[in-house]
Amino acid sequence: WGDYAGGPAPGLSFWSAGWLHRTE
């Protein structure tokens, strides 16, 4: 597990917010 809970991780960019909104 290491730092899976709260540590470094891949994930969605903040700049993907437009995609999350636009795709509905």
PDBML (XML) file of the C-alpha atoms, coordinates in Angstrom:
<?xml version="1.0" encoding="UTF-8" ?>
<PDBx:datablock datablockName="MODEL"
   xmlns:PDBx="http://pdbml.pdb.org/schema/pdbx-v50.xsd"
   xmlns:xsi="http://www.w3.org/2001/XMLSchema-instance"
   xsi:schemaLocation="http://pdbml.pdb.org/schema/pdbx-v50.xsd pdbx-v50.xsd">
   <PDBx:atom_siteCategory>
      <PDBx:atom_site id="1">
         <PDBx:B_iso_or_equiv>0.00</PDBx:B_iso_or_equiv>
         <PDBx:Cartn_x>0.000</PDBx:Cartn_x>
         <PDBx:Cartn_y>0.000</PDBx:Cartn_y>
         <PDBx:Cartn_z>0.000</PDBx:Cartn_z>
         <PDBx:auth_asym_id>A</PDBx:auth_asym_id>
         <PDBx:auth_atom_id>CA</PDBx:auth_atom_id>
         <PDBx:auth_comp_id>TRP</PDBx:auth_comp_id>
         <PDBx:auth_seq_id>1</PDBx:auth_seq_id>
         <PDBx:group_PDB>ATOM</PDBx:group_PDB>
         <PDBx:label_alt_id xsi:nil="true" />
         <PDBx:label_asym_id>A</PDBx:label_asym_id>
         <PDBx:label_atom_id>CA</PDBx:label_atom_id>
         <PDBx:label_comp_id>TRP</PDBx:label_comp_id>
         <PDBx:label_entity_id>1</PDBx:label_entity_id>
         <PDBx:label_seq_id>1</PDBx:label_seq_id>
         <PDBx:occupancy>1.00</PDBx:occupancy>
         <PDBx:pdbx_PDB_model_num>1</PDBx:pdbx_PDB_model_num>
         <PDBx:type_symbol>C</PDBx:type_symbol>
      </PDBx:atom_site>
      <PDBx:atom_site id="2">
         <PDBx:B_iso_or_equiv>0.00</PDBx:B_iso_or_equiv>
         <PDBx:Cartn_x>2.760</PDBx:Cartn_x>
         <PDBx:Cartn_y>2.478</PDBx:Cartn_y>
         <PDBx:Cartn_z>0.813</PDBx:Cartn_z>
         <PDBx:auth_asym_id>A</PDBx:auth_asym_id>
         <PDBx:auth_atom_id>CA</PDBx:auth_atom_id>
         <PDBx:auth_comp_id>GLY</PDBx:auth_comp_id>
         <PDBx:auth_seq_id>2</PDBx:auth_seq_id>
         <PDBx:group_PDB>ATOM</PDBx:group_PDB>
         <PDBx:label_alt_id xsi:nil="true" />
         <PDBx:label_asym_id>A</PDBx:label_asym_id>
         <PDBx:label_atom_id>CA</PDBx:label_atom_id>
         <PDBx:label_comp_id>GLY</PDBx:label_comp_id>
         <PDBx:label_entity_id>1</PDBx:label_entity_id>
         <PDBx:label_seq_id>2</PDBx:label_seq_id>
         <PDBx:occupancy>1.00</PDBx:occupancy>
         <PDBx:pdbx_PDB_model_num>1</PDBx:pdbx_PDB_model_num>
         <PDBx:type_symbol>C</PDBx:type_symbol>
      </PDBx:atom_site>
      <PDBx:atom_site id="3">
         <PDBx:B_iso_or_equiv>0.00</PDBx:B_iso_or_equiv>
         <PDBx:Cartn_x>1.289</PDBx:Cartn_x>
         <PDBx:Cartn_y>5.986</PDBx:Cartn_y>
         <PDBx:Cartn_z>0.560</PDBx:Cartn_z>
         <PDBx:auth_asym_id>A</PDBx:auth_asym_id>
         <PDBx:auth_atom_id>CA</PDBx:auth_atom_id>
         <PDBx:auth_comp_id>ASP</PDBx:auth_comp_id>
         <PDBx:auth_seq_id>3</PDBx:auth_seq_id>
         <PDBx:group_PDB>ATOM</PDBx:group_PDB>
         <PDBx:label_alt_id xsi:nil="true" />
         <PDBx:label_asym_id>A</PDBx:label_asym_id>
         <PDBx:label_atom_id>CA</PDBx:label_atom_id>
         <PDBx:label_comp_id>ASP</PDBx:label_comp_id>
         <PDBx:label_entity_id>1</PDBx:label_entity_id>
         <PDBx:label_seq_id>3</PDBx:label_seq_id>
         <PDBx:occupancy>1.00</PDBx:occupancy>
         <PDBx:pdbx_PDB_model_num>1</PDBx:pdbx_PDB_model_num>
         <PDBx:type_symbol>C</PDBx:type_symbol>
      </PDBx:atom_site>
      <PDBx:atom_site id="4">
         <PDBx:B_iso_or_equiv>0.00</PDBx:B_iso_or_equiv>
         <PDBx:Cartn_x>-1.687</PDBx:Cartn_x>
         <PDBx:Cartn_y>4.959</PDBx:Cartn_y>
         <PDBx:Cartn_z>-1.597</PDBx:Cartn_z>
         <PDBx:auth_asym_id>A</PDBx:auth_asym_id>
         <PDBx:auth_atom_id>CA</PDBx:auth_atom_id>
         <PDBx:auth_comp_id>TYR</PDBx:auth_comp_id>
         <PDBx:auth_seq_id>4</PDBx:auth_seq_id>
         <PDBx:group_PDB>ATOM</PDBx:group_PDB>
         <PDBx:label_alt_id xsi:nil="true" />
         <PDBx:label_asym_id>A</PDBx:label_asym_id>
         <PDBx:label_atom_id>CA</PDBx:label_atom_id>
         <PDBx:label_comp_id>TYR</PDBx:label_comp_id>
         <PDBx:label_entity_id>1</PDBx:label_entity_id>
         <PDBx:label_seq_id>4</PDBx:label_seq_id>
         <PDBx:occupancy>1.00</PDBx:occupancy>
         <PDBx:pdbx_PDB_model_num>1</PDBx:pdbx_PDB_model_num>
         <PDBx:type_symbol>C</PDBx:type_symbol>
      </PDBx:atom_site>
      <PDBx:atom_site id="5">
         <PDBx:B_iso_or_equiv>0.00</PDBx:B_iso_or_equiv>
         <PDBx:Cartn_x>-3.982</PDBx:Cartn_x>
         <PDBx:Cartn_y>6.643</PDBx:Cartn_y>
         <PDBx:Cartn_z>0.950</PDBx:Cartn_z>
         <PDBx:auth_asym_id>A</PDBx:auth_asym_id>
         <PDBx:auth_atom_id>CA</PDBx:auth_atom_id>
         <PDBx:auth_comp_id>ALA</PDBx:auth_comp_id>
         <PDBx:auth_seq_id>5</PDBx:auth_seq_id>
         <PDBx:group_PDB>ATOM</PDBx:group_PDB>
         <PDBx:label_alt_id xsi:nil="true" />
         <PDBx:label_asym_id>A</PDBx:label_asym_id>
         <PDBx:label_atom_id>CA</PDBx:label_atom_id>
         <PDBx:label_comp_id>ALA</PDBx:label_comp_id>
         <PDBx:label_entity_id>1</PDBx:label_entity_id>
         <PDBx:label_seq_id>5</PDBx:label_seq_id>
         <PDBx:occupancy>1.00</PDBx:occupancy>
         <PDBx:pdbx_PDB_model_num>1</PDBx:pdbx_PDB_model_num>
         <PDBx:type_symbol>C</PDBx:type_symbol>
      </PDBx:atom_site>
      <PDBx:atom_site id="6">
         <PDBx:B_iso_or_equiv>0.00</PDBx:B_iso_or_equiv>
         <PDBx:Cartn_x>-3.136</PDBx:Cartn_x>
         <PDBx:Cartn_y>10.287</PDBx:Cartn_y>
         <PDBx:Cartn_z>0.417</PDBx:Cartn_z>
         <PDBx:auth_asym_id>A</PDBx:auth_asym_id>
         <PDBx:auth_atom_id>CA</PDBx:auth_atom_id>
         <PDBx:auth_comp_id>GLY</PDBx:auth_comp_id>
         <PDBx:auth_seq_id>6</PDBx:auth_seq_id>
         <PDBx:group_PDB>ATOM</PDBx:group_PDB>
         <PDBx:label_alt_id xsi:nil="true" />
         <PDBx:label_asym_id>A</PDBx:label_asym_id>
         <PDBx:label_atom_id>CA</PDBx:label_atom_id>
         <PDBx:label_comp_id>GLY</PDBx:label_comp_id>
         <PDBx:label_entity_id>1</PDBx:label_entity_id>
         <PDBx:label_seq_id>6</PDBx:label_seq_id>
         <PDBx:occupancy>1.00</PDBx:occupancy>
         <PDBx:pdbx_PDB_model_num>1</PDBx:pdbx_PDB_model_num>
         <PDBx:type_symbol>C</PDBx:type_symbol>
      </PDBx:atom_site>
      <PDBx:atom_site id="7">
         <PDBx:B_iso_or_equiv>0.00</PDBx:B_iso_or_equiv>
         <PDBx:Cartn_x>0.327</PDBx:Cartn_x>
         <PDBx:Cartn_y>10.149</PDBx:Cartn_y>
         <PDBx:Cartn_z>-1.111</PDBx:Cartn_z>
         <PDBx:auth_asym_id>A</PDBx:auth_asym_id>
         <PDBx:auth_atom_id>CA</PDBx:auth_atom_id>
         <PDBx:auth_comp_id>GLY</PDBx:auth_comp_id>
         <PDBx:auth_seq_id>7</PDBx:auth_seq_id>
         <PDBx:group_PDB>ATOM</PDBx:group_PDB>
         <PDBx:label_alt_id xsi:nil="true" />
         <PDBx:label_asym_id>A</PDBx:label_asym_id>
         <PDBx:label_atom_id>CA</PDBx:label_atom_id>
         <PDBx:label_comp_id>GLY</PDBx:label_comp_id>
         <PDBx:label_entity_id>1</PDBx:label_entity_id>
         <PDBx:label_seq_id>7</PDBx:label_seq_id>
         <PDBx:occupancy>1.00</PDBx:occupancy>
         <PDBx:pdbx_PDB_model_num>1</PDBx:pdbx_PDB_model_num>
         <PDBx:type_symbol>C</PDBx:type_symbol>
      </PDBx:atom_site>
      <PDBx:atom_site id="8">
         <PDBx:B_iso_or_equiv>0.00</PDBx:B_iso_or_equiv>
         <PDBx:Cartn_x>1.566</PDBx:Cartn_x>
         <PDBx:Cartn_y>10.780</PDBx:Cartn_y>
         <PDBx:Cartn_z>-4.650</PDBx:Cartn_z>
         <PDBx:auth_asym_id>A</PDBx:auth_asym_id>
         <PDBx:auth_atom_id>CA</PDBx:auth_atom_id>
         <PDBx:auth_comp_id>PRO</PDBx:auth_comp_id>
         <PDBx:auth_seq_id>8</PDBx:auth_seq_id>
         <PDBx:group_PDB>ATOM</PDBx:group_PDB>
         <PDBx:label_alt_id xsi:nil="true" />
         <PDBx:label_asym_id>A</PDBx:label_asym_id>
         <PDBx:label_atom_id>CA</PDBx:label_atom_id>
         <PDBx:label_comp_id>PRO</PDBx:label_comp_id>
         <PDBx:label_entity_id>1</PDBx:label_entity_id>
         <PDBx:label_seq_id>8</PDBx:label_seq_id>
         <PDBx:occupancy>1.00</PDBx:occupancy>
         <PDBx:pdbx_PDB_model_num>1</PDBx:pdbx_PDB_model_num>
         <PDBx:type_symbol>C</PDBx:type_symbol>
      </PDBx:atom_site>
      <PDBx:atom_site id="9">
         <PDBx:B_iso_or_equiv>0.00</PDBx:B_iso_or_equiv>
         <PDBx:Cartn_x>-0.689</PDBx:Cartn_x>
         <PDBx:Cartn_y>9.337</PDBx:Cartn_y>
         <PDBx:Cartn_z>-7.344</PDBx:Cartn_z>
         <PDBx:auth_asym_id>A</PDBx:auth_asym_id>
         <PDBx:auth_atom_id>CA</PDBx:auth_atom_id>
         <PDBx:auth_comp_id>ALA</PDBx:auth_comp_id>
         <PDBx:auth_seq_id>9</PDBx:auth_seq_id>
         <PDBx:group_PDB>ATOM</PDBx:group_PDB>
         <PDBx:label_alt_id xsi:nil="true" />
         <PDBx:label_asym_id>A</PDBx:label_asym_id>
         <PDBx:label_atom_id>CA</PDBx:label_atom_id>
         <PDBx:label_comp_id>ALA</PDBx:label_comp_id>
         <PDBx:label_entity_id>1</PDBx:label_entity_id>
         <PDBx:label_seq_id>9</PDBx:label_seq_id>
         <PDBx:occupancy>1.00</PDBx:occupancy>
         <PDBx:pdbx_PDB_model_num>1</PDBx:pdbx_PDB_model_num>
         <PDBx:type_symbol>C</PDBx:type_symbol>
      </PDBx:atom_site>
      <PDBx:atom_site id="10">
         <PDBx:B_iso_or_equiv>0.00</PDBx:B_iso_or_equiv>
         <PDBx:Cartn_x>-1.696</PDBx:Cartn_x>
         <PDBx:Cartn_y>9.694</PDBx:Cartn_y>
         <PDBx:Cartn_z>-10.953</PDBx:Cartn_z>
         <PDBx:auth_asym_id>A</PDBx:auth_asym_id>
         <PDBx:auth_atom_id>CA</PDBx:auth_atom_id>
         <PDBx:auth_comp_id>PRO</PDBx:auth_comp_id>
         <PDBx:auth_seq_id>10</PDBx:auth_seq_id>
         <PDBx:group_PDB>ATOM</PDBx:group_PDB>
         <PDBx:label_alt_id xsi:nil="true" />
         <PDBx:label_asym_id>A</PDBx:label_asym_id>
         <PDBx:label_atom_id>CA</PDBx:label_atom_id>
         <PDBx:label_comp_id>PRO</PDBx:label_comp_id>
         <PDBx:label_entity_id>1</PDBx:label_entity_id>
         <PDBx:label_seq_id>10</PDBx:label_seq_id>
         <PDBx:occupancy>1.00</PDBx:occupancy>
         <PDBx:pdbx_PDB_model_num>1</PDBx:pdbx_PDB_model_num>
         <PDBx:type_symbol>C</PDBx:type_symbol>
      </PDBx:atom_site>
      <PDBx:atom_site id="11">
         <PDBx:B_iso_or_equiv>0.00</PDBx:B_iso_or_equiv>
         <PDBx:Cartn_x>-5.072</PDBx:Cartn_x>
         <PDBx:Cartn_y>11.309</PDBx:Cartn_y>
         <PDBx:Cartn_z>-11.358</PDBx:Cartn_z>
         <PDBx:auth_asym_id>A</PDBx:auth_asym_id>
         <PDBx:auth_atom_id>CA</PDBx:auth_atom_id>
         <PDBx:auth_comp_id>GLY</PDBx:auth_comp_id>
         <PDBx:auth_seq_id>11</PDBx:auth_seq_id>
         <PDBx:group_PDB>ATOM</PDBx:group_PDB>
         <PDBx:label_alt_id xsi:nil="true" />
         <PDBx:label_asym_id>A</PDBx:label_asym_id>
         <PDBx:label_atom_id>CA</PDBx:label_atom_id>
         <PDBx:label_comp_id>GLY</PDBx:label_comp_id>
         <PDBx:label_entity_id>1</PDBx:label_entity_id>
         <PDBx:label_seq_id>11</PDBx:label_seq_id>
         <PDBx:occupancy>1.00</PDBx:occupancy>
         <PDBx:pdbx_PDB_model_num>1</PDBx:pdbx_PDB_model_num>
         <PDBx:type_symbol>C</PDBx:type_symbol>
      </PDBx:atom_site>
      <PDBx:atom_site id="12">
         <PDBx:B_iso_or_equiv>0.00</PDBx:B_iso_or_equiv>
         <PDBx:Cartn_x>-7.200</PDBx:Cartn_x>
         <PDBx:Cartn_y>13.806</PDBx:Cartn_y>
         <PDBx:Cartn_z>-13.204</PDBx:Cartn_z>
         <PDBx:auth_asym_id>A</PDBx:auth_asym_id>
         <PDBx:auth_atom_id>CA</PDBx:auth_atom_id>
         <PDBx:auth_comp_id>LEU</PDBx:auth_comp_id>
         <PDBx:auth_seq_id>12</PDBx:auth_seq_id>
         <PDBx:group_PDB>ATOM</PDBx:group_PDB>
         <PDBx:label_alt_id xsi:nil="true" />
         <PDBx:label_asym_id>A</PDBx:label_asym_id>
         <PDBx:label_atom_id>CA</PDBx:label_atom_id>
         <PDBx:label_comp_id>LEU</PDBx:label_comp_id>
         <PDBx:label_entity_id>1</PDBx:label_entity_id>
         <PDBx:label_seq_id>12</PDBx:label_seq_id>
         <PDBx:occupancy>1.00</PDBx:occupancy>
         <PDBx:pdbx_PDB_model_num>1</PDBx:pdbx_PDB_model_num>
         <PDBx:type_symbol>C</PDBx:type_symbol>
      </PDBx:atom_site>
      <PDBx:atom_site id="13">
         <PDBx:B_iso_or_equiv>0.00</PDBx:B_iso_or_equiv>
         <PDBx:Cartn_x>-5.671</PDBx:Cartn_x>
         <PDBx:Cartn_y>17.198</PDBx:Cartn_y>
         <PDBx:Cartn_z>-13.842</PDBx:Cartn_z>
         <PDBx:auth_asym_id>A</PDBx:auth_asym_id>
         <PDBx:auth_atom_id>CA</PDBx:auth_atom_id>
         <PDBx:auth_comp_id>SER</PDBx:auth_comp_id>
         <PDBx:auth_seq_id>13</PDBx:auth_seq_id>
         <PDBx:group_PDB>ATOM</PDBx:group_PDB>
         <PDBx:label_alt_id xsi:nil="true" />
         <PDBx:label_asym_id>A</PDBx:label_asym_id>
         <PDBx:label_atom_id>CA</PDBx:label_atom_id>
         <PDBx:label_comp_id>SER</PDBx:label_comp_id>
         <PDBx:label_entity_id>1</PDBx:label_entity_id>
         <PDBx:label_seq_id>13</PDBx:label_seq_id>
         <PDBx:occupancy>1.00</PDBx:occupancy>
         <PDBx:pdbx_PDB_model_num>1</PDBx:pdbx_PDB_model_num>
         <PDBx:type_symbol>C</PDBx:type_symbol>
      </PDBx:atom_site>
      <PDBx:atom_site id="14">
         <PDBx:B_iso_or_equiv>0.00</PDBx:B_iso_or_equiv>
         <PDBx:Cartn_x>-7.364</PDBx:Cartn_x>
         <PDBx:Cartn_y>20.269</PDBx:Cartn_y>
         <PDBx:Cartn_z>-12.433</PDBx:Cartn_z>
         <PDBx:auth_asym_id>A</PDBx:auth_asym_id>
         <PDBx:auth_atom_id>CA</PDBx:auth_atom_id>
         <PDBx:auth_comp_id>PHE</PDBx:auth_comp_id>
         <PDBx:auth_seq_id>14</PDBx:auth_seq_id>
         <PDBx:group_PDB>ATOM</PDBx:group_PDB>
         <PDBx:label_alt_id xsi:nil="true" />
         <PDBx:label_asym_id>A</PDBx:label_asym_id>
         <PDBx:label_atom_id>CA</PDBx:label_atom_id>
         <PDBx:label_comp_id>PHE</PDBx:label_comp_id>
         <PDBx:label_entity_id>1</PDBx:label_entity_id>
         <PDBx:label_seq_id>14</PDBx:label_seq_id>
         <PDBx:occupancy>1.00</PDBx:occupancy>
         <PDBx:pdbx_PDB_model_num>1</PDBx:pdbx_PDB_model_num>
         <PDBx:type_symbol>C</PDBx:type_symbol>
      </PDBx:atom_site>
      <PDBx:atom_site id="15">
         <PDBx:B_iso_or_equiv>0.00</PDBx:B_iso_or_equiv>
         <PDBx:Cartn_x>-7.576</PDBx:Cartn_x>
         <PDBx:Cartn_y>21.410</PDBx:Cartn_y>
         <PDBx:Cartn_z>-16.040</PDBx:Cartn_z>
         <PDBx:auth_asym_id>A</PDBx:auth_asym_id>
         <PDBx:auth_atom_id>CA</PDBx:auth_atom_id>
         <PDBx:auth_comp_id>TRP</PDBx:auth_comp_id>
         <PDBx:auth_seq_id>15</PDBx:auth_seq_id>
         <PDBx:group_PDB>ATOM</PDBx:group_PDB>
         <PDBx:label_alt_id xsi:nil="true" />
         <PDBx:label_asym_id>A</PDBx:label_asym_id>
         <PDBx:label_atom_id>CA</PDBx:label_atom_id>
         <PDBx:label_comp_id>TRP</PDBx:label_comp_id>
         <PDBx:label_entity_id>1</PDBx:label_entity_id>
         <PDBx:label_seq_id>15</PDBx:label_seq_id>
         <PDBx:occupancy>1.00</PDBx:occupancy>
         <PDBx:pdbx_PDB_model_num>1</PDBx:pdbx_PDB_model_num>
         <PDBx:type_symbol>C</PDBx:type_symbol>
      </PDBx:atom_site>
      <PDBx:atom_site id="16">
         <PDBx:B_iso_or_equiv>0.00</PDBx:B_iso_or_equiv>
         <PDBx:Cartn_x>-9.857</PDBx:Cartn_x>
         <PDBx:Cartn_y>18.477</PDBx:Cartn_y>
         <PDBx:Cartn_z>-16.883</PDBx:Cartn_z>
         <PDBx:auth_asym_id>A</PDBx:auth_asym_id>
         <PDBx:auth_atom_id>CA</PDBx:auth_atom_id>
         <PDBx:auth_comp_id>SER</PDBx:auth_comp_id>
         <PDBx:auth_seq_id>16</PDBx:auth_seq_id>
         <PDBx:group_PDB>ATOM</PDBx:group_PDB>
         <PDBx:label_alt_id xsi:nil="true" />
         <PDBx:label_asym_id>A</PDBx:label_asym_id>
         <PDBx:label_atom_id>CA</PDBx:label_atom_id>
         <PDBx:label_comp_id>SER</PDBx:label_comp_id>
         <PDBx:label_entity_id>1</PDBx:label_entity_id>
         <PDBx:label_seq_id>16</PDBx:label_seq_id>
         <PDBx:occupancy>1.00</PDBx:occupancy>
         <PDBx:pdbx_PDB_model_num>1</PDBx:pdbx_PDB_model_num>
         <PDBx:type_symbol>C</PDBx:type_symbol>
      </PDBx:atom_site>
      <PDBx:atom_site id="17">
         <PDBx:B_iso_or_equiv>0.00</PDBx:B_iso_or_equiv>
         <PDBx:Cartn_x>-12.725</PDBx:Cartn_x>
         <PDBx:Cartn_y>20.262</PDBx:Cartn_y>
         <PDBx:Cartn_z>-15.108</PDBx:Cartn_z>
         <PDBx:auth_asym_id>A</PDBx:auth_asym_id>
         <PDBx:auth_atom_id>CA</PDBx:auth_atom_id>
         <PDBx:auth_comp_id>ALA</PDBx:auth_comp_id>
         <PDBx:auth_seq_id>17</PDBx:auth_seq_id>
         <PDBx:group_PDB>ATOM</PDBx:group_PDB>
         <PDBx:label_alt_id xsi:nil="true" />
         <PDBx:label_asym_id>A</PDBx:label_asym_id>
         <PDBx:label_atom_id>CA</PDBx:label_atom_id>
         <PDBx:label_comp_id>ALA</PDBx:label_comp_id>
         <PDBx:label_entity_id>1</PDBx:label_entity_id>
         <PDBx:label_seq_id>17</PDBx:label_seq_id>
         <PDBx:occupancy>1.00</PDBx:occupancy>
         <PDBx:pdbx_PDB_model_num>1</PDBx:pdbx_PDB_model_num>
         <PDBx:type_symbol>C</PDBx:type_symbol>
      </PDBx:atom_site>
      <PDBx:atom_site id="18">
         <PDBx:B_iso_or_equiv>0.00</PDBx:B_iso_or_equiv>
         <PDBx:Cartn_x>-14.009</PDBx:Cartn_x>
         <PDBx:Cartn_y>21.622</PDBx:Cartn_y>
         <PDBx:Cartn_z>-18.419</PDBx:Cartn_z>
         <PDBx:auth_asym_id>A</PDBx:auth_asym_id>
         <PDBx:auth_atom_id>CA</PDBx:auth_atom_id>
         <PDBx:auth_comp_id>GLY</PDBx:auth_comp_id>
         <PDBx:auth_seq_id>18</PDBx:auth_seq_id>
         <PDBx:group_PDB>ATOM</PDBx:group_PDB>
         <PDBx:label_alt_id xsi:nil="true" />
         <PDBx:label_asym_id>A</PDBx:label_asym_id>
         <PDBx:label_atom_id>CA</PDBx:label_atom_id>
         <PDBx:label_comp_id>GLY</PDBx:label_comp_id>
         <PDBx:label_entity_id>1</PDBx:label_entity_id>
         <PDBx:label_seq_id>18</PDBx:label_seq_id>
         <PDBx:occupancy>1.00</PDBx:occupancy>
         <PDBx:pdbx_PDB_model_num>1</PDBx:pdbx_PDB_model_num>
         <PDBx:type_symbol>C</PDBx:type_symbol>
      </PDBx:atom_site>
      <PDBx:atom_site id="19">
         <PDBx:B_iso_or_equiv>0.00</PDBx:B_iso_or_equiv>
         <PDBx:Cartn_x>-14.211</PDBx:Cartn_x>
         <PDBx:Cartn_y>18.095</PDBx:Cartn_y>
         <PDBx:Cartn_z>-19.869</PDBx:Cartn_z>
         <PDBx:auth_asym_id>A</PDBx:auth_asym_id>
         <PDBx:auth_atom_id>CA</PDBx:auth_atom_id>
         <PDBx:auth_comp_id>TRP</PDBx:auth_comp_id>
         <PDBx:auth_seq_id>19</PDBx:auth_seq_id>
         <PDBx:group_PDB>ATOM</PDBx:group_PDB>
         <PDBx:label_alt_id xsi:nil="true" />
         <PDBx:label_asym_id>A</PDBx:label_asym_id>
         <PDBx:label_atom_id>CA</PDBx:label_atom_id>
         <PDBx:label_comp_id>TRP</PDBx:label_comp_id>
         <PDBx:label_entity_id>1</PDBx:label_entity_id>
         <PDBx:label_seq_id>19</PDBx:label_seq_id>
         <PDBx:occupancy>1.00</PDBx:occupancy>
         <PDBx:pdbx_PDB_model_num>1</PDBx:pdbx_PDB_model_num>
         <PDBx:type_symbol>C</PDBx:type_symbol>
      </PDBx:atom_site>
      <PDBx:atom_site id="20">
         <PDBx:B_iso_or_equiv>0.00</PDBx:B_iso_or_equiv>
         <PDBx:Cartn_x>-16.044</PDBx:Cartn_x>
         <PDBx:Cartn_y>16.832</PDBx:Cartn_y>
         <PDBx:Cartn_z>-16.780</PDBx:Cartn_z>
         <PDBx:auth_asym_id>A</PDBx:auth_asym_id>
         <PDBx:auth_atom_id>CA</PDBx:auth_atom_id>
         <PDBx:auth_comp_id>LEU</PDBx:auth_comp_id>
         <PDBx:auth_seq_id>20</PDBx:auth_seq_id>
         <PDBx:group_PDB>ATOM</PDBx:group_PDB>
         <PDBx:label_alt_id xsi:nil="true" />
         <PDBx:label_asym_id>A</PDBx:label_asym_id>
         <PDBx:label_atom_id>CA</PDBx:label_atom_id>
         <PDBx:label_comp_id>LEU</PDBx:label_comp_id>
         <PDBx:label_entity_id>1</PDBx:label_entity_id>
         <PDBx:label_seq_id>20</PDBx:label_seq_id>
         <PDBx:occupancy>1.00</PDBx:occupancy>
         <PDBx:pdbx_PDB_model_num>1</PDBx:pdbx_PDB_model_num>
         <PDBx:type_symbol>C</PDBx:type_symbol>
      </PDBx:atom_site>
      <PDBx:atom_site id="21">
         <PDBx:B_iso_or_equiv>0.00</PDBx:B_iso_or_equiv>
         <PDBx:Cartn_x>-18.570</PDBx:Cartn_x>
         <PDBx:Cartn_y>19.636</PDBx:Cartn_y>
         <PDBx:Cartn_z>-17.168</PDBx:Cartn_z>
         <PDBx:auth_asym_id>A</PDBx:auth_asym_id>
         <PDBx:auth_atom_id>CA</PDBx:auth_atom_id>
         <PDBx:auth_comp_id>HIS</PDBx:auth_comp_id>
         <PDBx:auth_seq_id>21</PDBx:auth_seq_id>
         <PDBx:group_PDB>ATOM</PDBx:group_PDB>
         <PDBx:label_alt_id xsi:nil="true" />
         <PDBx:label_asym_id>A</PDBx:label_asym_id>
         <PDBx:label_atom_id>CA</PDBx:label_atom_id>
         <PDBx:label_comp_id>HIS</PDBx:label_comp_id>
         <PDBx:label_entity_id>1</PDBx:label_entity_id>
         <PDBx:label_seq_id>21</PDBx:label_seq_id>
         <PDBx:occupancy>1.00</PDBx:occupancy>
         <PDBx:pdbx_PDB_model_num>1</PDBx:pdbx_PDB_model_num>
         <PDBx:type_symbol>C</PDBx:type_symbol>
      </PDBx:atom_site>
      <PDBx:atom_site id="22">
         <PDBx:B_iso_or_equiv>0.00</PDBx:B_iso_or_equiv>
         <PDBx:Cartn_x>-18.904</PDBx:Cartn_x>
         <PDBx:Cartn_y>19.714</PDBx:Cartn_y>
         <PDBx:Cartn_z>-20.938</PDBx:Cartn_z>
         <PDBx:auth_asym_id>A</PDBx:auth_asym_id>
         <PDBx:auth_atom_id>CA</PDBx:auth_atom_id>
         <PDBx:auth_comp_id>ARG</PDBx:auth_comp_id>
         <PDBx:auth_seq_id>22</PDBx:auth_seq_id>
         <PDBx:group_PDB>ATOM</PDBx:group_PDB>
         <PDBx:label_alt_id xsi:nil="true" />
         <PDBx:label_asym_id>A</PDBx:label_asym_id>
         <PDBx:label_atom_id>CA</PDBx:label_atom_id>
         <PDBx:label_comp_id>ARG</PDBx:label_comp_id>
         <PDBx:label_entity_id>1</PDBx:label_entity_id>
         <PDBx:label_seq_id>22</PDBx:label_seq_id>
         <PDBx:occupancy>1.00</PDBx:occupancy>
         <PDBx:pdbx_PDB_model_num>1</PDBx:pdbx_PDB_model_num>
         <PDBx:type_symbol>C</PDBx:type_symbol>
      </PDBx:atom_site>
      <PDBx:atom_site id="23">
         <PDBx:B_iso_or_equiv>0.00</PDBx:B_iso_or_equiv>
         <PDBx:Cartn_x>-19.431</PDBx:Cartn_x>
         <PDBx:Cartn_y>15.965</PDBx:Cartn_y>
         <PDBx:Cartn_z>-21.423</PDBx:Cartn_z>
         <PDBx:auth_asym_id>A</PDBx:auth_asym_id>
         <PDBx:auth_atom_id>CA</PDBx:auth_atom_id>
         <PDBx:auth_comp_id>THR</PDBx:auth_comp_id>
         <PDBx:auth_seq_id>23</PDBx:auth_seq_id>
         <PDBx:group_PDB>ATOM</PDBx:group_PDB>
         <PDBx:label_alt_id xsi:nil="true" />
         <PDBx:label_asym_id>A</PDBx:label_asym_id>
         <PDBx:label_atom_id>CA</PDBx:label_atom_id>
         <PDBx:label_comp_id>THR</PDBx:label_comp_id>
         <PDBx:label_entity_id>1</PDBx:label_entity_id>
         <PDBx:label_seq_id>23</PDBx:label_seq_id>
         <PDBx:occupancy>1.00</PDBx:occupancy>
         <PDBx:pdbx_PDB_model_num>1</PDBx:pdbx_PDB_model_num>
         <PDBx:type_symbol>C</PDBx:type_symbol>
      </PDBx:atom_site>
      <PDBx:atom_site id="24">
         <PDBx:B_iso_or_equiv>0.00</PDBx:B_iso_or_equiv>
         <PDBx:Cartn_x>-22.361</PDBx:Cartn_x>
         <PDBx:Cartn_y>16.041</PDBx:Cartn_y>
         <PDBx:Cartn_z>-18.965</PDBx:Cartn_z>
         <PDBx:auth_asym_id>A</PDBx:auth_asym_id>
         <PDBx:auth_atom_id>CA</PDBx:auth_atom_id>
         <PDBx:auth_comp_id>GLU</PDBx:auth_comp_id>
         <PDBx:auth_seq_id>24</PDBx:auth_seq_id>
         <PDBx:group_PDB>ATOM</PDBx:group_PDB>
         <PDBx:label_alt_id xsi:nil="true" />
         <PDBx:label_asym_id>A</PDBx:label_asym_id>
         <PDBx:label_atom_id>CA</PDBx:label_atom_id>
         <PDBx:label_comp_id>GLU</PDBx:label_comp_id>
         <PDBx:label_entity_id>1</PDBx:label_entity_id>
         <PDBx:label_seq_id>24</PDBx:label_seq_id>
         <PDBx:occupancy>1.00</PDBx:occupancy>
         <PDBx:pdbx_PDB_model_num>1</PDBx:pdbx_PDB_model_num>
         <PDBx:type_symbol>C</PDBx:type_symbol>
      </PDBx:atom_site>
   </PDBx:atom_siteCategory>
</PDBx:datablock>
